[in-house]
Amino acid sequence: MGYSRYDPAMQRRPAWNAGKNVGTKRPLTQKQIWAIRFHLDREGRLRDKALFDLAIDSKLRGCDLVKIKIGDVVAGADSRTRAIVIQQKTNRPVQFEITADVRSTLLSWLERRGGSTSDYLFPSRVDPAGHMSTRQYARLVDEWVTAIGLRKAEYGTHSLRRTKAAMIYRATGNIRAIQILLGHTKIENTVRYLGVDVEDALLLAERTEI
């Protein structure tokens, strides 16, 4: 059997995933969330804290998070308690909650940021009319996790998407609720996303007395 001339090994080029952790990224713990918040507060990085907090609450993919507009999270002078966006991947709406502390952070950021309801919540560095890129968002996440002593190879933007979903699942065991919150079209995707296994199922069963 021959070898393709496109095989990286034949061209002496390393494979794209050589030395990289390409598996599921870990969700953050409550302690790690507060450590990142403390770091961002200490550094005076209000925009980053608003972005971080909204990422945790919204459970959105990075491509949807960076496209949120001011009008999606505020109504008049107040921040919304719930918001809804159309997902880029599925073209379907998903709704999420905005908790009180996150609303407070968002309003503080908006006081500094200014802008109208049609503007992006997190503008681009190079184009004020555009939104932050997913690449920049990913770089920021790398900075945040590294700042509190975590290995960036083990965490990423999907860590923030998974964090609250994983906490809700551990507290309730309700896969269907997590499917709705993450905007998955199939519950099988949610099971794989959360890494649910036989041990999880048995622990949930053991908590249930009849």
C-alpha atoms as a PDB file:
ATOM      1  CA  MET A   1       0.000   0.000   0.000  1.00  0.00           C
ATOM      2  CA  GLY A   2       1.366   3.437  -0.930  1.00  0.00           C
ATOM      3  CA  TYR A   3       1.242   6.695   0.940  1.00  0.00           C
ATOM      4  CA  SER A   4      -0.526   9.890  -0.030  1.00  0.00           C
ATOM      5  CA  ARG A   5       1.722  12.797  -0.920  1.00  0.00           C
ATOM      6  CA  TYR A   6      -0.583  14.866   1.302  1.00  0.00           C
ATOM      7  CA  ASP A   7       0.320  12.781   4.365  1.00  0.00           C
ATOM      8  CA  PRO A   8       2.055  15.197   6.800  1.00  0.00           C
ATOM      9  CA  ALA A   9       4.387  12.406   7.887  1.00  0.00           C
ATOM     10  CA  MET A  10       5.648  11.962   4.313  1.00  0.00           C
ATOM     11  CA  GLN A  11       6.301  15.711   4.057  1.00  0.00           C
ATOM     12  CA  ARG A  12       8.055  15.762   7.451  1.00  0.00           C
ATOM     13  CA  ARG A  13       5.515  18.246   8.738  1.00  0.00           C
ATOM     14  CA  PRO A  14       3.928  17.669  12.145  1.00  0.00           C
ATOM     15  CA  ALA A  15       0.226  16.827  12.198  1.00  0.00           C
ATOM     16  CA  TRP A  16      -2.031  19.813  13.018  1.00  0.00           C
ATOM     17  CA  ASN A  17      -2.937  18.281  16.398  1.00  0.00           C
ATOM     18  CA  ALA A  18       0.556  17.115  17.360  1.00  0.00           C
ATOM     19  CA  GLY A  19       1.108  17.819  21.051  1.00  0.00           C
ATOM     20  CA  LYS A  20      -2.292  19.460  21.437  1.00  0.00           C
ATOM     21  CA  ASN A  21      -5.183  18.498  23.688  1.00  0.00           C
ATOM     22  CA  VAL A  22      -8.064  18.272  21.197  1.00  0.00           C
ATOM     23  CA  GLY A  23     -10.490  16.459  23.494  1.00  0.00           C
ATOM     24  CA  THR A  24     -13.359  17.903  25.499  1.00  0.00           C
ATOM     25  CA  LYS A  25     -12.379  21.000  27.457  1.00  0.00           C
ATOM     26  CA  ARG A  26     -12.963  20.929  31.189  1.00  0.00           C
ATOM     27  CA  PRO A  27     -15.709  23.042  32.767  1.00  0.00           C
ATOM     28  CA  LEU A  28     -14.646  25.466  35.476  1.00  0.00           C
ATOM     29  CA  THR A  29     -15.365  24.876  39.156  1.00  0.00           C
ATOM     30  CA  GLN A  30     -17.049  27.441  41.397  1.00  0.00           C
ATOM     31  CA  LYS A  31     -13.684  28.173  43.028  1.00  0.00           C
ATOM     32  CA  GLN A  32     -12.051  28.773  39.632  1.00  0.00           C
ATOM     33  CA  ILE A  33     -14.892  31.071  38.534  1.00  0.00           C
ATOM     34  CA  TRP A  34     -14.403  33.281  41.593  1.00  0.00           C
ATOM     35  CA  ALA A  35     -10.620  33.229  41.124  1.00  0.00           C
ATOM     36  CA  ILE A  36     -10.988  34.568  37.567  1.00  0.00           C
ATOM     37  CA  ARG A  37     -13.497  37.202  38.693  1.00  0.00           C
ATOM     38  CA  PHE A  38     -11.126  38.327  41.454  1.00  0.00           C
ATOM     39  CA  HIS A  39      -8.264  38.544  38.955  1.00  0.00           C
ATOM     40  CA  LEU A  40     -10.303  40.632  36.499  1.00  0.00           C
ATOM     41  CA  ASP A  41     -11.546  42.937  39.278  1.00  0.00           C
ATOM     42  CA  ARG A  42      -8.004  43.441  40.566  1.00  0.00           C
ATOM     43  CA  GLU A  43      -6.752  44.264  37.071  1.00  0.00           C
ATOM     44  CA  GLY A  44      -9.669  46.638  36.407  1.00  0.00           C
ATOM     45  CA  ARG A  45     -10.693  44.696  33.298  1.00  0.00           C
ATOM     46  CA  LEU A  46     -14.381  45.548  33.312  1.00  0.00           C
ATOM     47  CA  ARG A  47     -15.045  44.513  29.707  1.00  0.00           C
ATOM     48  CA  ASP A  48     -13.394  41.146  30.276  1.00  0.00           C
ATOM     49  CA  LYS A  49     -15.385  40.541  33.449  1.00  0.00           C
ATOM     50  CA  ALA A  50     -18.643  41.358  31.624  1.00  0.00           C
ATOM     51  CA  LEU A  51     -17.642  39.003  28.812  1.00  0.00           C
ATOM     52  CA  PHE A  52     -16.639  36.236  31.227  1.00  0.00           C
ATOM     53  CA  ASP A  53     -19.795  36.534  33.341  1.00  0.00           C
ATOM     54  CA  LEU A  54     -22.077  36.605  30.310  1.00  0.00           C
ATOM     55  CA  ALA A  55     -20.295  33.597  28.797  1.00  0.00           C
ATOM     56  CA  ILE A  56     -20.965  31.580  31.972  1.00  0.00           C
ATOM     57  CA  ASP A  57     -24.624  32.639  32.245  1.00  0.00           C
ATOM     58  CA  SER A  58     -25.515  32.394  28.553  1.00  0.00           C
ATOM     59  CA  LYS A  59     -23.866  29.000  27.874  1.00  0.00           C
ATOM     60  CA  LEU A  60     -23.418  30.192  24.271  1.00  0.00           C
ATOM     61  CA  ARG A  61     -20.848  29.108  21.717  1.00  0.00           C
ATOM     62  CA  GLY A  62     -18.155  31.707  21.153  1.00  0.00           C
ATOM     63  CA  CYS A  63     -19.447  32.563  17.663  1.00  0.00           C
ATOM     64  CA  ASP A  64     -22.843  33.507  19.161  1.00  0.00           C
ATOM     65  CA  LEU A  65     -21.508  35.222  22.274  1.00  0.00           C
ATOM     66  CA  VAL A  66     -19.358  37.743  20.394  1.00  0.00           C
ATOM     67  CA  LYS A  67     -22.300  38.737  18.182  1.00  0.00           C
ATOM     68  CA  ILE A  68     -24.600  39.748  21.036  1.00  0.00           C
ATOM     69  CA  LYS A  69     -25.839  43.311  20.628  1.00  0.00           C
ATOM     70  CA  ILE A  70     -26.580  45.830  23.354  1.00  0.00           C
ATOM     71  CA  GLY A  71     -30.297  45.590  22.583  1.00  0.00           C
ATOM     72  CA  ASP A  72     -30.199  41.839  23.250  1.00  0.00           C
ATOM     73  CA  VAL A  73     -29.345  42.356  26.925  1.00  0.00           C
ATOM     74  CA  VAL A  74     -30.945  45.694  27.827  1.00  0.00           C
ATOM     75  CA  ALA A  75     -34.456  47.107  27.684  1.00  0.00           C
ATOM     76  CA  GLY A  76     -34.521  50.852  28.200  1.00  0.00           C
ATOM     77  CA  ALA A  77     -32.290  51.716  31.141  1.00  0.00           C
ATOM     78  CA  ASP A  78     -32.457  48.244  32.656  1.00  0.00           C
ATOM     79  CA  SER A  79     -30.746  44.975  31.890  1.00  0.00           C
ATOM     80  CA  ARG A  80     -32.947  42.096  30.783  1.00  0.00           C
ATOM     81  CA  THR A  81     -33.382  39.118  33.087  1.00  0.00           C
ATOM     82  CA  ARG A  82     -33.647  36.825  30.052  1.00  0.00           C
ATOM     83  CA  ALA A  83     -32.369  37.106  26.506  1.00  0.00           C
ATOM     84  CA  ILE A  84     -32.765  35.160  23.295  1.00  0.00           C
ATOM     85  CA  VAL A  85     -30.419  34.757  20.325  1.00  0.00           C
ATOM     86  CA  ILE A  86     -30.437  32.802  17.067  1.00  0.00           C
ATOM     87  CA  GLN A  87     -27.638  30.246  17.053  1.00  0.00           C
ATOM     88  CA  GLN A  88     -25.287  30.359  14.105  1.00  0.00           C
ATOM     89  CA  LYS A  89     -24.761  26.589  14.062  1.00  0.00           C
ATOM     90  CA  THR A  90     -28.414  25.507  14.136  1.00  0.00           C
ATOM     91  CA  ASN A  91     -30.191  28.705  13.039  1.00  0.00           C
ATOM     92  CA  ARG A  92     -32.558  28.094  15.943  1.00  0.00           C
ATOM     93  CA  PRO A  93     -33.338  30.386  18.892  1.00  0.00           C
ATOM     94  CA  VAL A  94     -32.004  29.695  22.361  1.00  0.00           C
ATOM     95  CA  GLN A  95     -32.967  31.552  25.515  1.00  0.00           C
ATOM     96  CA  PHE A  96     -30.800  32.181  28.547  1.00  0.00           C
ATOM     97  CA  GLU A  97     -31.021  33.840  31.936  1.00  0.00           C
ATOM     98  CA  ILE A  98     -28.987  36.845  33.080  1.00  0.00           C
ATOM     99  CA  THR A  99     -28.526  36.679  36.846  1.00  0.00           C
ATOM    100  CA  ALA A 100     -28.488  39.747  39.106  1.00  0.00           C
ATOM    101  CA  ASP A 101     -24.699  39.983  39.562  1.00  0.00           C
ATOM    102  CA  VAL A 102     -24.128  39.595  35.832  1.00  0.00           C
ATOM    103  CA  ARG A 103     -26.721  42.292  35.066  1.00  0.00           C
ATOM    104  CA  SER A 104     -24.863  44.630  37.404  1.00  0.00           C
ATOM    105  CA  THR A 105     -21.546  43.947  35.650  1.00  0.00           C
ATOM    106  CA  LEU A 106     -23.118  44.434  32.224  1.00  0.00           C
ATOM    107  CA  LEU A 107     -24.637  47.777  33.197  1.00  0.00           C
ATOM    108  CA  SER A 108     -21.273  48.964  34.558  1.00  0.00           C
ATOM    109  CA  TRP A 109     -19.615  47.934  31.296  1.00  0.00           C
ATOM    110  CA  LEU A 110     -22.288  49.678  29.220  1.00  0.00           C
ATOM    111  CA  GLU A 111     -21.834  52.911  31.185  1.00  0.00           C
ATOM    112  CA  ARG A 112     -18.203  52.870  30.110  1.00  0.00           C
ATOM    113  CA  ARG A 113     -18.776  51.458  26.621  1.00  0.00           C
ATOM    114  CA  GLY A 114     -21.669  53.686  25.530  1.00  0.00           C
ATOM    115  CA  GLY A 115     -23.316  53.022  22.182  1.00  0.00           C
ATOM    116  CA  SER A 116     -26.826  52.287  20.931  1.00  0.00           C
ATOM    117  CA  THR A 117     -28.968  49.158  21.090  1.00  0.00           C
ATOM    118  CA  SER A 118     -27.925  48.208  17.561  1.00  0.00           C
ATOM    119  CA  ASP A 119     -24.210  48.158  18.461  1.00  0.00           C
ATOM    120  CA  TYR A 120     -22.354  45.011  19.421  1.00  0.00           C
ATOM    121  CA  LEU A 121     -21.897  44.549  23.155  1.00  0.00           C
ATOM    122  CA  PHE A 122     -18.220  43.667  22.731  1.00  0.00           C
ATOM    123  CA  PRO A 123     -16.784  45.670  19.799  1.00  0.00           C
ATOM    124  CA  SER A 124     -13.813  44.702  17.668  1.00  0.00           C
ATOM    125  CA  ARG A 125     -10.391  46.205  18.405  1.00  0.00           C
ATOM    126  CA  VAL A 126      -9.817  47.011  14.731  1.00  0.00           C
ATOM    127  CA  ASP A 127     -13.335  47.901  13.573  1.00  0.00           C
ATOM    128  CA  PRO A 128     -15.494  49.795  16.101  1.00  0.00           C
ATOM    129  CA  ALA A 129     -18.600  48.915  14.078  1.00  0.00           C
ATOM    130  CA  GLY A 130     -17.798  45.207  14.134  1.00  0.00           C
ATOM    131  CA  HIS A 131     -17.839  42.641  16.920  1.00  0.00           C
ATOM    132  CA  MET A 132     -15.000  40.993  18.807  1.00  0.00           C
ATOM    133  CA  SER A 133     -13.588  38.044  16.865  1.00  0.00           C
ATOM    134  CA  THR A 134     -13.852  34.490  18.171  1.00  0.00           C
ATOM    135  CA  ARG A 135     -10.046  34.337  17.932  1.00  0.00           C
ATOM    136  CA  GLN A 136      -9.700  37.296  20.298  1.00  0.00           C
ATOM    137  CA  TYR A 137     -12.252  35.747  22.649  1.00  0.00           C
ATOM    138  CA  ALA A 138     -10.271  32.490  22.687  1.00  0.00           C
ATOM    139  CA  ARG A 139      -7.045  34.394  23.443  1.00  0.00           C
ATOM    140  CA  LEU A 140      -8.743  36.134  26.362  1.00  0.00           C
ATOM    141  CA  VAL A 141      -9.937  32.823  27.791  1.00  0.00           C
ATOM    142  CA  ASP A 142      -6.360  31.526  27.555  1.00  0.00           C
ATOM    143  CA  GLU A 143      -5.188  34.599  29.502  1.00  0.00           C
ATOM    144  CA  TRP A 144      -7.836  34.183  32.195  1.00  0.00           C
ATOM    145  CA  VAL A 145      -7.219  30.519  32.933  1.00  0.00           C
ATOM    146  CA  THR A 146      -3.438  30.954  32.824  1.00  0.00           C
ATOM    147  CA  ALA A 147      -3.683  33.854  35.290  1.00  0.00           C
ATOM    148  CA  ILE A 148      -5.134  31.553  37.957  1.00  0.00           C
ATOM    149  CA  GLY A 149      -2.641  28.759  37.362  1.00  0.00           C
ATOM    150  CA  LEU A 150      -4.606  26.479  35.018  1.00  0.00           C
ATOM    151  CA  ARG A 151      -3.166  24.839  31.898  1.00  0.00           C
ATOM    152  CA  LYS A 152      -4.658  26.542  28.860  1.00  0.00           C
ATOM    153  CA  ALA A 153      -4.388  23.276  26.889  1.00  0.00           C
ATOM    154  CA  GLU A 154      -7.108  21.842  29.147  1.00  0.00           C
ATOM    155  CA  TYR A 155      -9.496  24.811  28.989  1.00  0.00           C
ATOM    156  CA  GLY A 156     -11.033  26.941  26.255  1.00  0.00           C
ATOM    157  CA  THR A 157     -14.140  28.825  25.215  1.00  0.00           C
ATOM    158  CA  HIS A 158     -16.180  25.631  25.448  1.00  0.00           C
ATOM    159  CA  SER A 159     -15.175  25.384  29.118  1.00  0.00           C
ATOM    160  CA  LEU A 160     -17.231  28.511  29.760  1.00  0.00           C
ATOM    161  CA  ARG A 161     -20.132  27.122  27.711  1.00  0.00           C
ATOM    162  CA  ARG A 162     -20.082  23.852  29.649  1.00  0.00           C
ATOM    163  CA  THR A 163     -19.540  25.250  33.156  1.00  0.00           C
ATOM    164  CA  LYS A 164     -23.055  26.194  34.264  1.00  0.00           C
ATOM    165  CA  ALA A 165     -24.619  23.348  32.293  1.00  0.00           C
ATOM    166  CA  ALA A 166     -22.392  20.851  34.107  1.00  0.00           C
ATOM    167  CA  MET A 167     -23.288  22.377  37.490  1.00  0.00           C
ATOM    168  CA  ILE A 168     -27.017  22.215  36.744  1.00  0.00           C
ATOM    169  CA  TYR A 169     -26.703  18.613  35.576  1.00  0.00           C
ATOM    170  CA  ARG A 170     -24.828  17.563  38.724  1.00  0.00           C
ATOM    171  CA  ALA A 171     -27.498  19.261  40.878  1.00  0.00           C
ATOM    172  CA  THR A 172     -30.558  17.937  39.032  1.00  0.00           C
ATOM    173  CA  GLY A 173     -29.619  15.105  36.669  1.00  0.00           C
ATOM    174  CA  ASN A 174     -32.079  16.626  34.183  1.00  0.00           C
ATOM    175  CA  ILE A 175     -30.575  16.012  30.744  1.00  0.00           C
ATOM    176  CA  ARG A 176     -33.619  17.405  28.903  1.00  0.00           C
ATOM    177  CA  ALA A 177     -33.311  20.741  30.727  1.00  0.00           C
ATOM    178  CA  ILE A 178     -29.625  20.951  29.786  1.00  0.00           C
ATOM    179  CA  GLN A 179     -30.478  20.155  26.157  1.00  0.00           C
ATOM    180  CA  ILE A 180     -32.858  23.135  26.073  1.00  0.00           C
ATOM    181  CA  LEU A 181     -30.376  25.459  27.782  1.00  0.00           C
ATOM    182  CA  LEU A 182     -27.545  24.541  25.398  1.00  0.00           C
ATOM    183  CA  GLY A 183     -29.798  24.684  22.339  1.00  0.00           C
ATOM    184  CA  HIS A 184     -28.908  21.172  21.183  1.00  0.00           C
ATOM    185  CA  THR A 185     -31.209  19.656  18.574  1.00  0.00           C
ATOM    186  CA  LYS A 186     -30.643  16.081  19.807  1.00  0.00           C
ATOM    187  CA  ILE A 187     -30.423  14.866  23.379  1.00  0.00           C
ATOM    188  CA  GLU A 188     -27.670  12.447  22.320  1.00  0.00           C
ATOM    189  CA  ASN A 189     -25.491  15.498  21.639  1.00  0.00           C
ATOM    190  CA  THR A 190     -26.118  16.748  25.173  1.00  0.00           C
ATOM    191  CA  VAL A 191     -25.186  13.374  26.665  1.00  0.00           C
ATOM    192  CA  ARG A 192     -21.886  13.378  24.765  1.00  0.00           C
ATOM    193  CA  TYR A 193     -21.252  17.048  25.535  1.00  0.00           C
ATOM    194  CA  LEU A 194     -21.619  16.540  29.275  1.00  0.00           C
ATOM    195  CA  GLY A 195     -19.638  13.300  29.203  1.00  0.00           C
ATOM    196  CA  VAL A 196     -22.440  11.418  30.925  1.00  0.00           C
ATOM    197  CA  ASP A 197     -21.420   7.833  31.609  1.00  0.00           C
ATOM    198  CA  VAL A 198     -22.631   4.739  33.487  1.00  0.00           C
ATOM    199  CA  GLU A 199     -21.138   5.996  36.766  1.00  0.00           C
ATOM    200  CA  ASP A 200     -23.179   9.213  36.518  1.00  0.00           C
ATOM    201  CA  ALA A 201     -26.343   7.229  35.867  1.00  0.00           C
ATOM    202  CA  LEU A 202     -25.715   4.927  38.835  1.00  0.00           C
ATOM    203  CA  LEU A 203     -25.021   7.826  41.203  1.00  0.00           C
ATOM    204  CA  LEU A 204     -28.295   9.469  40.179  1.00  0.00           C
ATOM    205  CA  ALA A 205     -30.131   6.176  40.678  1.00  0.00           C
ATOM    206  CA  GLU A 206     -28.598   5.724  44.130  1.00  0.00           C
ATOM    207  CA  ARG A 207     -29.911   9.124  45.207  1.00  0.00           C
ATOM    208  CA  THR A 208     -33.468   8.074  44.375  1.00  0.00           C
ATOM    209  CA  GLU A 209     -35.283   6.097  47.049  1.00  0.00           C
ATOM    210  CA  ILE A 210     -38.648   4.463  46.344  1.00  0.00           C
END
